[in-house]
């Protein structure tokens, strides 16, 4: 993670509810959760591509 992202994460986790949610998550899910909160547009696009890839709309080779 880059320094800017880490600083943004620190700002986000100043909120008590978000910090408690973060700590309650499985360690493997924490980074993914942070990225969704910090970069909501990007993560929505990635989720859409992932779901379309599962449906066979976007083959892996065309996105690489």
Protein backbone atom coordinates (compact mmCIF):
# COMPACT_ATOMS: atom_id res chain seq x y z
CA UNK A 1 0.00 0.00 0.00
CA UNK A 2 1.32 3.43 -0.81
CA UNK A 3 1.85 6.16 1.80
CA UNK A 4 -1.11 8.25 0.64
CA UNK A 5 -3.44 5.27 0.97
CA UNK A 6 -2.16 4.54 4.47
CA UNK A 7 -2.78 8.14 5.53
CA UNK A 8 -6.29 8.02 4.05
CA UNK A 9 -6.90 4.79 5.97
CA UNK A 10 -5.81 6.47 9.21
CA UNK A 11 -8.29 9.29 8.58
CA UNK A 12 -11.08 6.81 7.86
CA UNK A 13 -10.37 4.79 10.99
CA UNK A 14 -10.71 7.83 13.24
CA UNK A 15 -14.43 7.11 13.05
CA UNK A 16 -15.17 4.75 15.98
CA UNK A 17 -17.77 2.67 14.16
CA UNK A 18 -15.54 2.18 11.11
CA UNK A 19 -12.58 1.31 13.32
CA UNK A 20 -14.62 -1.29 15.23
CA UNK A 21 -15.92 -2.75 11.97
CA UNK A 22 -12.37 -2.94 10.63
CA UNK A 23 -11.11 -4.73 13.74
CA UNK A 24 -14.04 -7.16 13.70
CA UNK A 25 -13.18 -8.31 10.18
CA UNK A 26 -11.05 -11.30 9.38
CA UNK A 27 -7.46 -10.17 8.79
CA UNK A 28 -7.66 -11.28 5.14
CA UNK A 29 -10.68 -9.04 4.51
CA UNK A 30 -9.36 -5.85 6.12
CA UNK A 31 -7.39 -4.55 3.13
CA UNK A 32 -10.29 -5.25 0.75
CA UNK A 33 -12.71 -3.45 3.09
CA UNK A 34 -10.38 -0.45 3.39
CA UNK A 35 -9.95 -0.20 -0.37
CA UNK A 36 -13.73 -0.29 -0.88
CA UNK A 37 -14.18 2.51 1.64
CA UNK A 38 -11.32 4.63 0.32
CA UNK A 39 -11.81 4.07 -3.39
CA UNK A 40 -15.54 3.37 -3.80
CA UNK A 41 -15.72 4.04 -7.55
CA UNK A 42 -12.80 1.78 -8.38
CA UNK A 43 -14.04 -1.07 -6.24
CA UNK A 44 -17.54 -0.90 -7.77
CA UNK A 45 -16.04 -1.18 -11.25
CA UNK A 46 -13.83 -4.08 -10.16
CA UNK A 47 -16.80 -5.90 -8.59
CA UNK A 48 -18.84 -5.40 -11.77
CA UNK A 49 -16.03 -6.76 -13.95
CA UNK A 50 -15.56 -9.69 -11.58
CA UNK A 51 -19.26 -10.59 -11.69
CA UNK A 52 -19.37 -10.22 -15.48
CA UNK A 53 -16.27 -12.38 -15.77
CA UNK A 54 -18.07 -15.06 -13.72
CA UNK A 55 -21.02 -14.84 -16.13
CA UNK A 56 -18.66 -15.26 -19.10
CA UNK A 57 -19.16 -11.72 -20.44
CA UNK A 58 -15.48 -10.74 -20.04
CA UNK A 59 -12.99 -13.56 -20.60
CA UNK A 60 -9.78 -13.26 -18.56
CA UNK A 61 -7.54 -12.90 -21.62
CA UNK A 62 -9.26 -9.75 -22.90
CA UNK A 63 -8.81 -7.87 -19.59
CA UNK A 64 -5.13 -8.68 -19.05
